All heavy atoms as atom14 arrays in JSON, in Angstrom:
{
  "sequence": "EARGTLATFDYVFLDCPPSLGLITLNALVAADGVLVPLQTEFFALE",
  "atom14_mask": [
    [1, 1, 1, 1, 1, 1, 1, 1, 1, 0, 0, 0, 0, 0],
    [1, 1, 1, 1, 1, 0, 0, 0, 0, 0, 0, 0, 0, 0],
    [1, 1, 1, 1, 1, 1, 1, 1, 1, 1, 1, 0, 0, 0],
    [1, 1, 1, 1, 0, 0, 0, 0, 0, 0, 0, 0, 0, 0],
    [1, 1, 1, 1, 1, 1, 1, 0, 0, 0, 0, 0, 0, 0],
    [1, 1, 1, 1, 1, 1, 1, 1, 0, 0, 0, 0, 0, 0],
    [1, 1, 1, 1, 1, 0, 0, 0, 0, 0, 0, 0, 0, 0],
    [1, 1, 1, 1, 1, 1, 1, 0, 0, 0, 0, 0, 0, 0],
    [1, 1, 1, 1, 1, 1, 1, 1, 1, 1, 1, 0, 0, 0],
    [1, 1, 1, 1, 1, 1, 1, 1, 0, 0, 0, 0, 0, 0],
    [1, 1, 1, 1, 1, 1, 1, 1, 1, 1, 1, 1, 0, 0],
    [1, 1, 1, 1, 1, 1, 1, 0, 0, 0, 0, 0, 0, 0],
    [1, 1, 1, 1, 1, 1, 1, 1, 1, 1, 1, 0, 0, 0],
    [1, 1, 1, 1, 1, 1, 1, 1, 0, 0, 0, 0, 0, 0],
    [1, 1, 1, 1, 1, 1, 1, 1, 0, 0, 0, 0, 0, 0],
    [1, 1, 1, 1, 1, 1, 0, 0, 0, 0, 0, 0, 0, 0],
    [1, 1, 1, 1, 1, 1, 1, 0, 0, 0, 0, 0, 0, 0],
    [1, 1, 1, 1, 1, 1, 1, 0, 0, 0, 0, 0, 0, 0],
    [1, 1, 1, 1, 1, 1, 0, 0, 0, 0, 0, 0, 0, 0],
    [1, 1, 1, 1, 1, 1, 1, 1, 0, 0, 0, 0, 0, 0],
    [1, 1, 1, 1, 0, 0, 0, 0, 0, 0, 0, 0, 0, 0],
    [1, 1, 1, 1, 1, 1, 1, 1, 0, 0, 0, 0, 0, 0],
    [1, 1, 1, 1, 1, 1, 1, 1, 0, 0, 0, 0, 0, 0],
    [1, 1, 1, 1, 1, 1, 1, 0, 0, 0, 0, 0, 0, 0],
    [1, 1, 1, 1, 1, 1, 1, 1, 0, 0, 0, 0, 0, 0],
    [1, 1, 1, 1, 1, 1, 1, 1, 0, 0, 0, 0, 0, 0],
    [1, 1, 1, 1, 1, 0, 0, 0, 0, 0, 0, 0, 0, 0],
    [1, 1, 1, 1, 1, 1, 1, 1, 0, 0, 0, 0, 0, 0],
    [1, 1, 1, 1, 1, 1, 1, 0, 0, 0, 0, 0, 0, 0],
    [1, 1, 1, 1, 1, 0, 0, 0, 0, 0, 0, 0, 0, 0],
    [1, 1, 1, 1, 1, 0, 0, 0, 0, 0, 0, 0, 0, 0],
    [1, 1, 1, 1, 1, 1, 1, 1, 0, 0, 0, 0, 0, 0],
    [1, 1, 1, 1, 0, 0, 0, 0, 0, 0, 0, 0, 0, 0],
    [1, 1, 1, 1, 1, 1, 1, 0, 0, 0, 0, 0, 0, 0],
    [1, 1, 1, 1, 1, 1, 1, 1, 0, 0, 0, 0, 0, 0],
    [1, 1, 1, 1, 1, 1, 1, 0, 0, 0, 0, 0, 0, 0],
    [1, 1, 1, 1, 1, 1, 1, 0, 0, 0, 0, 0, 0, 0],
    [1, 1, 1, 1, 1, 1, 1, 1, 0, 0, 0, 0, 0, 0],
    [1, 1, 1, 1, 1, 1, 1, 1, 1, 0, 0, 0, 0, 0],
    [1, 1, 1, 1, 1, 1, 1, 0, 0, 0, 0, 0, 0, 0],
    [1, 1, 1, 1, 1, 1, 1, 1, 1, 0, 0, 0, 0, 0],
    [1, 1, 1, 1, 1, 1, 1, 1, 1, 1, 1, 0, 0, 0],
    [1, 1, 1, 1, 1, 1, 1, 1, 1, 1, 1, 0, 0, 0],
    [1, 1, 1, 1, 1, 0, 0, 0, 0, 0, 0, 0, 0, 0],
    [1, 1, 1, 1, 1, 1, 1, 1, 0, 0, 0, 0, 0, 0],
    [1, 1, 1, 1, 1, 1, 1, 1, 1, 0, 0, 0, 0, 0]
  ],
  "atom14_positions": [
    [[-6.71, -1.75, -21.26], [-5.99, -1.49, -22.51], [-4.8, -2.43, -22.69], [-4.26, -2.54, -23.8], [-5.51, -0.04, -22.54], [-6.67, 0.95, -22.7], [-6.22, 2.4, -22.55], [-5.06, 2.62, -22.14], [-7.04, 3.3, -22.83], [0.0, 0.0, 0.0], [0.0, 0.0, 0.0], [0.0, 0.0, 0.0], [0.0, 0.0, 0.0], [0.0, 0.0, 0.0]],
    [[-4.38, -3.09, -21.6], [-3.23, -4.0, -21.66], [-3.68, -5.46, -21.74], [-2.98, -6.36, -21.27], [-2.34, -3.78, -20.44], [0.0, 0.0, 0.0], [0.0, 0.0, 0.0], [0.0, 0.0, 0.0], [0.0, 0.0, 0.0], [0.0, 0.0, 0.0], [0.0, 0.0, 0.0], [0.0, 0.0, 0.0], [0.0, 0.0, 0.0], [0.0, 0.0, 0.0]],
    [[-4.84, -5.69, -22.33], [-5.38, -7.06, -22.39], [-4.4, -8.04, -23.03], [-4.26, -9.17, -22.6], [-6.7, -7.07, -23.17], [-7.9, -6.58, -22.39], [-9.19, -6.86, -23.14], [-9.21, -6.16, -24.42], [-9.68, -4.93, -24.59], [-10.15, -4.26, -23.57], [-9.66, -4.36, -25.78], [0.0, 0.0, 0.0], [0.0, 0.0, 0.0], [0.0, 0.0, 0.0]],
    [[-3.72, -7.6, -24.07], [-2.76, -8.48, -24.74], [-1.62, -8.89, -23.82], [-1.23, -10.06, -23.77], [0.0, 0.0, 0.0], [0.0, 0.0, 0.0], [0.0, 0.0, 0.0], [0.0, 0.0, 0.0], [0.0, 0.0, 0.0], [0.0, 0.0, 0.0], [0.0, 0.0, 0.0], [0.0, 0.0, 0.0], [0.0, 0.0, 0.0], [0.0, 0.0, 0.0]],
    [[-1.1, -7.93, -23.08], [-0.01, -8.21, -22.14], [-0.46, -9.14, -21.03], [0.27, -10.03, -20.6], [0.53, -6.89, -21.54], [1.0, -6.06, -22.59], [1.63, -7.14, -20.53], [0.0, 0.0, 0.0], [0.0, 0.0, 0.0], [0.0, 0.0, 0.0], [0.0, 0.0, 0.0], [0.0, 0.0, 0.0], [0.0, 0.0, 0.0], [0.0, 0.0, 0.0]],
    [[-1.7, -8.93, -20.56], [-2.21, -9.71, -19.43], [-2.75, -11.08, -19.83], [-3.06, -11.9, -18.96], [-3.32, -8.92, -18.72], [-2.88, -7.63, -18.02], [-4.09, -6.91, -17.44], [-1.86, -7.92, -16.93], [0.0, 0.0, 0.0], [0.0, 0.0, 0.0], [0.0, 0.0, 0.0], [0.0, 0.0, 0.0], [0.0, 0.0, 0.0], [0.0, 0.0, 0.0]],
    [[-2.84, -11.32, -21.13], [-3.49, -12.55, -21.6], [-2.79, -13.81, -21.1], [-3.43, -14.86, -20.94], [-3.54, -12.57, -23.12], [0.0, 0.0, 0.0], [0.0, 0.0, 0.0], [0.0, 0.0, 0.0], [0.0, 0.0, 0.0], [0.0, 0.0, 0.0], [0.0, 0.0, 0.0], [0.0, 0.0, 0.0], [0.0, 0.0, 0.0], [0.0, 0.0, 0.0]],
    [[-1.5, -13.73, -20.83], [-0.78, -14.93, -20.38], [-0.81, -15.12, -18.87], [-0.35, -16.14, -18.37], [0.69, -14.88, -20.83], [1.33, -13.75, -20.24], [0.79, -14.78, -22.35], [0.0, 0.0, 0.0], [0.0, 0.0, 0.0], [0.0, 0.0, 0.0], [0.0, 0.0, 0.0], [0.0, 0.0, 0.0], [0.0, 0.0, 0.0], [0.0, 0.0, 0.0]],
    [[-1.34, -14.14, -18.14], [-1.36, -14.23, -16.68], [-2.68, -14.83, -16.19], [-3.75, -14.59, -16.76], [-1.18, -12.84, -16.04], [0.22, -12.3, -16.18], [0.54, -11.42, -17.2], [1.22, -12.69, -15.3], [1.83, -10.92, -17.34], [2.51, -12.21, -15.43], [2.82, -11.32, -16.46], [0.0, 0.0, 0.0], [0.0, 0.0, 0.0], [0.0, 0.0, 0.0]],
    [[-2.59, -15.6, -15.13], [-3.78, -16.16, -14.49], [-4.33, -15.23, -13.41], [-5.54, -15.13, -13.23], [-3.46, -17.52, -13.86], [-3.05, -18.54, -14.92], [-3.89, -18.84, -15.79], [-1.9, -19.02, -14.87], [0.0, 0.0, 0.0], [0.0, 0.0, 0.0], [0.0, 0.0, 0.0], [0.0, 0.0, 0.0], [0.0, 0.0, 0.0], [0.0, 0.0, 0.0]],
    [[-3.41, -14.59, -12.69], [-3.8, -13.69, -11.59], [-2.99, -12.41, -11.63], [-1.8, -12.43, -11.95], [-3.61, -14.37, -10.22], [-4.48, -15.59, -10.05], [-3.95, -16.87, -10.2], [-5.83, -15.46, -9.75], [-4.75, -17.99, -10.07], [-6.64, -16.57, -9.62], [-6.1, -17.83, -9.78], [-6.9, -18.93, -9.66], [0.0, 0.0, 0.0], [0.0, 0.0, 0.0]],
    [[-3.66, -11.31, -11.31], [-3.0, -10.03, -11.08], [-3.3, -9.61, -9.65], [-4.47, -9.45, -9.28], [-3.49, -8.95, -12.07], [-2.82, -7.61, -11.76], [-3.2, -9.37, -13.51], [0.0, 0.0, 0.0], [0.0, 0.0, 0.0], [0.0, 0.0, 0.0], [0.0, 0.0, 0.0], [0.0, 0.0, 0.0], [0.0, 0.0, 0.0], [0.0, 0.0, 0.0]],
    [[-2.27, -9.47, -8.85], [-2.42, -9.06, -7.45], [-2.02, -7.58, -7.32], [-0.97, -7.17, -7.84], [-1.52, -9.89, -6.52], [-2.03, -11.3, -6.27], [-1.31, -12.17, -5.46], [-3.22, -11.75, -6.83], [-1.76, -13.46, -5.22], [-3.68, -13.04, -6.59], [-2.95, -13.9, -5.78], [0.0, 0.0, 0.0], [0.0, 0.0, 0.0], [0.0, 0.0, 0.0]],
    [[-2.85, -6.81, -6.62], [-2.59, -5.4, -6.4], [-2.31, -5.18, -4.92], [-3.21, -5.34, -4.09], [-3.81, -4.56, -6.82], [-4.4, -4.86, -8.22], [-5.68, -4.06, -8.43], [-3.39, -4.59, -9.31], [0.0, 0.0, 0.0], [0.0, 0.0, 0.0], [0.0, 0.0, 0.0], [0.0, 0.0, 0.0], [0.0, 0.0, 0.0], [0.0, 0.0, 0.0]],
    [[-1.05, -4.87, -4.59], [-0.7, -4.62, -3.19], [-0.92, -3.15, -2.89], [-0.17, -2.29, -3.35], [0.76, -5.02, -2.93], [1.1, -4.91, -1.45], [0.24, -5.25, -0.61], [2.23, -4.5, -1.13], [0.0, 0.0, 0.0], [0.0, 0.0, 0.0], [0.0, 0.0, 0.0], [0.0, 0.0, 0.0], [0.0, 0.0, 0.0], [0.0, 0.0, 0.0]],
    [[-1.97, -2.87, -2.12], [-2.42, -1.49, -1.88], [-1.66, -0.84, -0.72], [-1.15, -1.52, 0.16], [-3.91, -1.47, -1.55], [-4.95, -2.11, -2.88], [0.0, 0.0, 0.0], [0.0, 0.0, 0.0], [0.0, 0.0, 0.0], [0.0, 0.0, 0.0], [0.0, 0.0, 0.0], [0.0, 0.0, 0.0], [0.0, 0.0, 0.0], [0.0, 0.0, 0.0]],
    [[-1.64, 0.5, -0.69], [-1.09, 1.2, 0.47], [-1.96, 0.96, 1.7], [-3.16, 0.64, 1.57], [-1.15, 2.68, 0.06], [-1.47, 2.7, -1.39], [-2.15, 1.42, -1.71], [0.0, 0.0, 0.0], [0.0, 0.0, 0.0], [0.0, 0.0, 0.0], [0.0, 0.0, 0.0], [0.0, 0.0, 0.0], [0.0, 0.0, 0.0], [0.0, 0.0, 0.0]],
    [[-1.4, 1.13, 2.9], [-2.22, 1.0, 4.13], [-3.02, 2.28, 4.38], [-2.84, 2.97, 5.38], [-1.16, 0.76, 5.21], [0.05, 1.47, 4.7], [0.03, 1.35, 3.21], [0.0, 0.0, 0.0], [0.0, 0.0, 0.0], [0.0, 0.0, 0.0], [0.0, 0.0, 0.0], [0.0, 0.0, 0.0], [0.0, 0.0, 0.0], [0.0, 0.0, 0.0]],
    [[-3.9, 2.6, 3.44], [-4.74, 3.79, 3.53], [-5.9, 3.6, 2.58], [-5.9, 2.66, 1.77], [-3.95, 5.05, 3.15], [-3.64, 5.02, 1.77], [0.0, 0.0, 0.0], [0.0, 0.0, 0.0], [0.0, 0.0, 0.0], [0.0, 0.0, 0.0], [0.0, 0.0, 0.0], [0.0, 0.0, 0.0], [0.0, 0.0, 0.0], [0.0, 0.0, 0.0]],
    [[-6.88, 4.48, 2.65], [-8.02, 4.4, 1.73], [-8.03, 5.62, 0.82], [-9.06, 6.23, 0.58], [-9.33, 4.26, 2.52], [-9.46, 2.98, 3.33], [-10.74, 2.98, 4.16], [-9.41, 1.75, 2.43], [0.0, 0.0, 0.0], [0.0, 0.0, 0.0], [0.0, 0.0, 0.0], [0.0, 0.0, 0.0], [0.0, 0.0, 0.0], [0.0, 0.0, 0.0]],
    [[-6.87, 5.98, 0.29], [-6.73, 7.13, -0.59], [-6.98, 6.76, -2.05], [-7.54, 5.71, -2.38], [0.0, 0.0, 0.0], [0.0, 0.0, 0.0], [0.0, 0.0, 0.0], [0.0, 0.0, 0.0], [0.0, 0.0, 0.0], [0.0, 0.0, 0.0], [0.0, 0.0, 0.0], [0.0, 0.0, 0.0], [0.0, 0.0, 0.0], [0.0, 0.0, 0.0]],
    [[-6.52, 7.64, -2.95], [-6.82, 7.48, -4.37], [-6.13, 6.27, -5.01], [-6.67, 5.67, -5.94], [-6.4, 8.75, -5.13], [-7.51, 9.77, -5.39], [-6.94, 11.02, -6.06], [-8.61, 9.17, -6.26], [0.0, 0.0, 0.0], [0.0, 0.0, 0.0], [0.0, 0.0, 0.0], [0.0, 0.0, 0.0], [0.0, 0.0, 0.0], [0.0, 0.0, 0.0]],
    [[-4.95, 5.91, -4.5], [-4.28, 4.73, -5.08], [-5.07, 3.47, -4.74], [-5.34, 2.64, -5.61], [-2.83, 4.62, -4.57], [-1.99, 5.78, -5.09], [-2.21, 3.29, -5.03], [-0.56, 5.78, -4.58], [0.0, 0.0, 0.0], [0.0, 0.0, 0.0], [0.0, 0.0, 0.0], [0.0, 0.0, 0.0], [0.0, 0.0, 0.0], [0.0, 0.0, 0.0]],
    [[-5.48, 3.35, -3.48], [-6.3, 2.19, -3.09], [-7.63, 2.2, -3.84], [-8.11, 1.15, -4.29], [-6.54, 2.18, -1.57], [-5.27, 2.07, -0.91], [-7.42, 1.02, -1.15], [0.0, 0.0, 0.0], [0.0, 0.0, 0.0], [0.0, 0.0, 0.0], [0.0, 0.0, 0.0], [0.0, 0.0, 0.0], [0.0, 0.0, 0.0], [0.0, 0.0, 0.0]],
    [[-8.23, 3.38, -3.98], [-9.49, 3.47, -4.73], [-9.31, 2.99, -6.16], [-10.15, 2.26, -6.7], [-10.01, 4.91, -4.71], [-11.34, 5.17, -5.41], [-12.45, 4.31, -4.81], [-11.71, 6.65, -5.35], [0.0, 0.0, 0.0], [0.0, 0.0, 0.0], [0.0, 0.0, 0.0], [0.0, 0.0, 0.0], [0.0, 0.0, 0.0], [0.0, 0.0, 0.0]],
    [[-8.2, 3.37, -6.8], [-7.92, 2.88, -8.15], [-7.84, 1.36, -8.18], [-8.36, 0.72, -9.11], [-6.6, 3.47, -8.66], [-6.8, 4.69, -9.53], [-6.91, 4.58, -10.75], [-6.87, 5.84, -8.9], [0.0, 0.0, 0.0], [0.0, 0.0, 0.0], [0.0, 0.0, 0.0], [0.0, 0.0, 0.0], [0.0, 0.0, 0.0], [0.0, 0.0, 0.0]],
    [[-7.2, 0.78, -7.18], [-7.08, -0.68, -7.12], [-8.46, -1.33, -6.97], [-8.76, -2.33, -7.63], [-6.17, -1.08, -5.97], [0.0, 0.0, 0.0], [0.0, 0.0, 0.0], [0.0, 0.0, 0.0], [0.0, 0.0, 0.0], [0.0, 0.0, 0.0], [0.0, 0.0, 0.0], [0.0, 0.0, 0.0], [0.0, 0.0, 0.0], [0.0, 0.0, 0.0]],
    [[-9.3, -0.77, -6.12], [-10.63, -1.35, -5.89], [-11.52, -1.22, -7.12], [-12.34, -2.11, -7.39], [-11.29, -0.67, -4.68], [-10.59, -0.86, -3.33], [-11.36, -0.15, -2.22], [-10.41, -2.33, -2.99], [0.0, 0.0, 0.0], [0.0, 0.0, 0.0], [0.0, 0.0, 0.0], [0.0, 0.0, 0.0], [0.0, 0.0, 0.0], [0.0, 0.0, 0.0]],
    [[-11.36, -0.14, -7.86], [-12.15, 0.03, -9.08], [-11.68, -0.94, -10.17], [-12.47, -1.41, -10.98], [-12.09, 1.49, -9.58], [-12.77, 1.65, -10.93], [-12.75, 2.42, -8.56], [0.0, 0.0, 0.0], [0.0, 0.0, 0.0], [0.0, 0.0, 0.0], [0.0, 0.0, 0.0], [0.0, 0.0, 0.0], [0.0, 0.0, 0.0], [0.0, 0.0, 0.0]],
    [[-10.39, -1.29, -10.15], [-9.84, -2.19, -11.16], [-10.04, -3.67, -10.83], [-9.97, -4.52, -11.71], [-8.35, -1.92, -11.34], [0.0, 0.0, 0.0], [0.0, 0.0, 0.0], [0.0, 0.0, 0.0], [0.0, 0.0, 0.0], [0.0, 0.0, 0.0], [0.0, 0.0, 0.0], [0.0, 0.0, 0.0], [0.0, 0.0, 0.0], [0.0, 0.0, 0.0]],
    [[-10.29, -3.98, -9.55], [-10.25, -5.38, -9.08], [-11.58, -6.1, -9.25], [-12.65, -5.48, -9.29], [-9.82, -5.41, -7.62], [0.0, 0.0, 0.0], [0.0, 0.0, 0.0], [0.0, 0.0, 0.0], [0.0, 0.0, 0.0], [0.0, 0.0, 0.0], [0.0, 0.0, 0.0], [0.0, 0.0, 0.0], [0.0, 0.0, 0.0], [0.0, 0.0, 0.0]],
    [[-11.48, -7.43, -9.3], [-12.67, -8.28, -9.24], [-13.05, -8.57, -7.79], [-14.22, -8.78, -7.48], [-12.39, -9.61, -9.95], [-12.0, -9.42, -11.4], [-12.75, -8.75, -12.12], [-10.93, -9.92, -11.8], [0.0, 0.0, 0.0], [0.0, 0.0, 0.0], [0.0, 0.0, 0.0], [0.0, 0.0, 0.0], [0.0, 0.0, 0.0], [0.0, 0.0, 0.0]],
    [[-12.04, -8.63, -6.93], [-12.3, -8.96, -5.53], [-11.22, -8.39, -4.64], [-10.19, -7.91, -5.1], [0.0, 0.0, 0.0], [0.0, 0.0, 0.0], [0.0, 0.0, 0.0], [0.0, 0.0, 0.0], [0.0, 0.0, 0.0], [0.0, 0.0, 0.0], [0.0, 0.0, 0.0], [0.0, 0.0, 0.0], [0.0, 0.0, 0.0], [0.0, 0.0, 0.0]],
    [[-11.49, -8.44, -3.33], [-10.55, -7.91, -2.33], [-10.24, -9.02, -1.34], [-11.13, -9.69, -0.83], [-11.15, -6.71, -1.58], [-10.12, -6.11, -0.62], [-11.65, -5.65, -2.54], [0.0, 0.0, 0.0], [0.0, 0.0, 0.0], [0.0, 0.0, 0.0], [0.0, 0.0, 0.0], [0.0, 0.0, 0.0], [0.0, 0.0, 0.0], [0.0, 0.0, 0.0]],
    [[-8.95, -9.2, -1.09], [-8.52, -10.13, -0.06], [-7.94, -9.29, 1.08], [-7.05, -8.46, 0.86], [-7.47, -11.09, -0.61], [-7.48, -12.48, 0.0], [-6.86, -13.48, -0.94], [-6.73, -12.5, 1.32], [0.0, 0.0, 0.0], [0.0, 0.0, 0.0], [0.0, 0.0, 0.0], [0.0, 0.0, 0.0], [0.0, 0.0, 0.0], [0.0, 0.0, 0.0]],
    [[-8.47, -9.46, 2.29], [-8.09, -8.63, 3.43], [-7.27, -9.45, 4.42], [-7.82, -10.3, 5.12], [-9.33, -8.04, 4.14], [-8.89, -7.14, 5.3], [-10.19, -7.25, 3.16], [0.0, 0.0, 0.0], [0.0, 0.0, 0.0], [0.0, 0.0, 0.0], [0.0, 0.0, 0.0], [0.0, 0.0, 0.0], [0.0, 0.0, 0.0], [0.0, 0.0, 0.0]],
    [[-5.96, -9.23, 4.49], [-5.17, -9.82, 5.58], [-5.5, -9.1, 6.89], [-5.55, -7.86, 6.93], [-3.72, -9.57, 5.15], [-3.81, -9.29, 3.68], [-5.11, -8.58, 3.5], [0.0, 0.0, 0.0], [0.0, 0.0, 0.0], [0.0, 0.0, 0.0], [0.0, 0.0, 0.0], [0.0, 0.0, 0.0], [0.0, 0.0, 0.0], [0.0, 0.0, 0.0]],
    [[-5.74, -9.86, 7.94], [-6.22, -9.28, 9.19], [-5.43, -9.84, 10.37], [-5.47, -11.04, 10.62], [-7.71, -9.59, 9.36], [-8.4, -8.97, 10.56], [-8.59, -7.46, 10.35], [-9.75, -9.62, 10.79], [0.0, 0.0, 0.0], [0.0, 0.0, 0.0], [0.0, 0.0, 0.0], [0.0, 0.0, 0.0], [0.0, 0.0, 0.0], [0.0, 0.0, 0.0]],
    [[-4.73, -8.97, 11.06], [-3.99, -9.4, 12.25], [-4.97, -9.68, 13.38], [-5.93, -8.95, 13.58], [-3.01, -8.3, 12.67], [-2.1, -8.7, 13.82], [-1.15, -7.57, 14.21], [-1.16, -6.5, 13.6], [-0.33, -7.82, 15.21], [0.0, 0.0, 0.0], [0.0, 0.0, 0.0], [0.0, 0.0, 0.0], [0.0, 0.0, 0.0], [0.0, 0.0, 0.0]],
    [[-4.72, -10.75, 14.12], [-5.66, -11.14, 15.19], [-5.36, -10.35, 16.47], [-4.81, -10.88, 17.43], [-5.59, -12.65, 15.46], [-4.22, -13.02, 15.65], [-6.18, -13.44, 14.32], [0.0, 0.0, 0.0], [0.0, 0.0, 0.0], [0.0, 0.0, 0.0], [0.0, 0.0, 0.0], [0.0, 0.0, 0.0], [0.0, 0.0, 0.0], [0.0, 0.0, 0.0]],
    [[-5.72, -9.08, 16.44], [-5.62, -8.25, 17.63], [-6.79, -7.26, 17.63], [-7.45, -7.05, 16.59], [-4.27, -7.54, 17.71], [-3.87, -6.77, 16.49], [-4.04, -5.27, 16.64], [-3.65, -4.72, 17.66], [-4.62, -4.68, 15.72], [0.0, 0.0, 0.0], [0.0, 0.0, 0.0], [0.0, 0.0, 0.0], [0.0, 0.0, 0.0], [0.0, 0.0, 0.0]],
    [[-7.08, -6.65, 18.76], [-8.34, -5.94, 18.96], [-8.61, -4.86, 17.92], [-9.69, -4.8, 17.33], [-8.39, -5.33, 20.37], [-9.63, -4.5, 20.6], [-10.87, -5.11, 20.78], [-9.57, -3.12, 20.58], [-12.01, -4.35, 20.96], [-10.71, -2.36, 20.76], [-11.93, -2.97, 20.96], [0.0, 0.0, 0.0], [0.0, 0.0, 0.0], [0.0, 0.0, 0.0]],
    [[-7.63, -3.99, 17.65], [-7.89, -2.86, 16.76], [-8.17, -3.32, 15.33], [-8.72, -2.57, 14.53], [-6.71, -1.89, 16.78], [-6.59, -1.13, 18.07], [-5.47, -1.27, 18.87], [-7.62, -0.29, 18.49], [-5.37, -0.58, 20.07], [-7.52, 0.4, 19.67], [-6.4, 0.27, 20.48], [0.0, 0.0, 0.0], [0.0, 0.0, 0.0], [0.0, 0.0, 0.0]],
    [[-7.79, -4.53, 15.0], [-8.06, -5.05, 13.67], [-9.56, -5.12, 13.39], [-10.0, -4.96, 12.25], [-7.45, -6.44, 13.52], [0.0, 0.0, 0.0], [0.0, 0.0, 0.0], [0.0, 0.0, 0.0], [0.0, 0.0, 0.0], [0.0, 0.0, 0.0], [0.0, 0.0, 0.0], [0.0, 0.0, 0.0], [0.0, 0.0, 0.0], [0.0, 0.0, 0.0]],
    [[-10.35, -5.35, 14.43], [-11.79, -5.46, 14.24], [-12.39, -4.15, 13.76], [-13.34, -4.13, 12.97], [-12.46, -5.9, 15.55], [-12.08, -7.3, 16.04], [-12.67, -7.57, 17.41], [-12.54, -8.35, 15.04], [0.0, 0.0, 0.0], [0.0, 0.0, 0.0], [0.0, 0.0, 0.0], [0.0, 0.0, 0.0], [0.0, 0.0, 0.0], [0.0, 0.0, 0.0]],
    [[-11.84, -3.02, 14.24], [-12.31, -1.72, 13.77], [-11.93, -1.53, 12.3], [-12.7, -1.0, 11.5], [-11.71, -0.61, 14.62], [-12.19, -0.63, 16.07], [-11.62, 0.52, 16.89], [-10.67, 1.18, 16.39], [-12.12, 0.76, 17.99], [0.0, 0.0, 0.0], [0.0, 0.0, 0.0], [0.0, 0.0, 0.0], [0.0, 0.0, 0.0], [0.0, 0.0, 0.0]]
  ]
}
């Protein structure tokens, strides 16, 4: 609904919470793609 406001932007970045709750779900439903920052340590693989 904010197409007019967004018309001048090239990129919209959504910084999600560190969880997979409803806010993150909203971001994933709105997004074209997901960029995953990943720390190079063992638990990151899970």
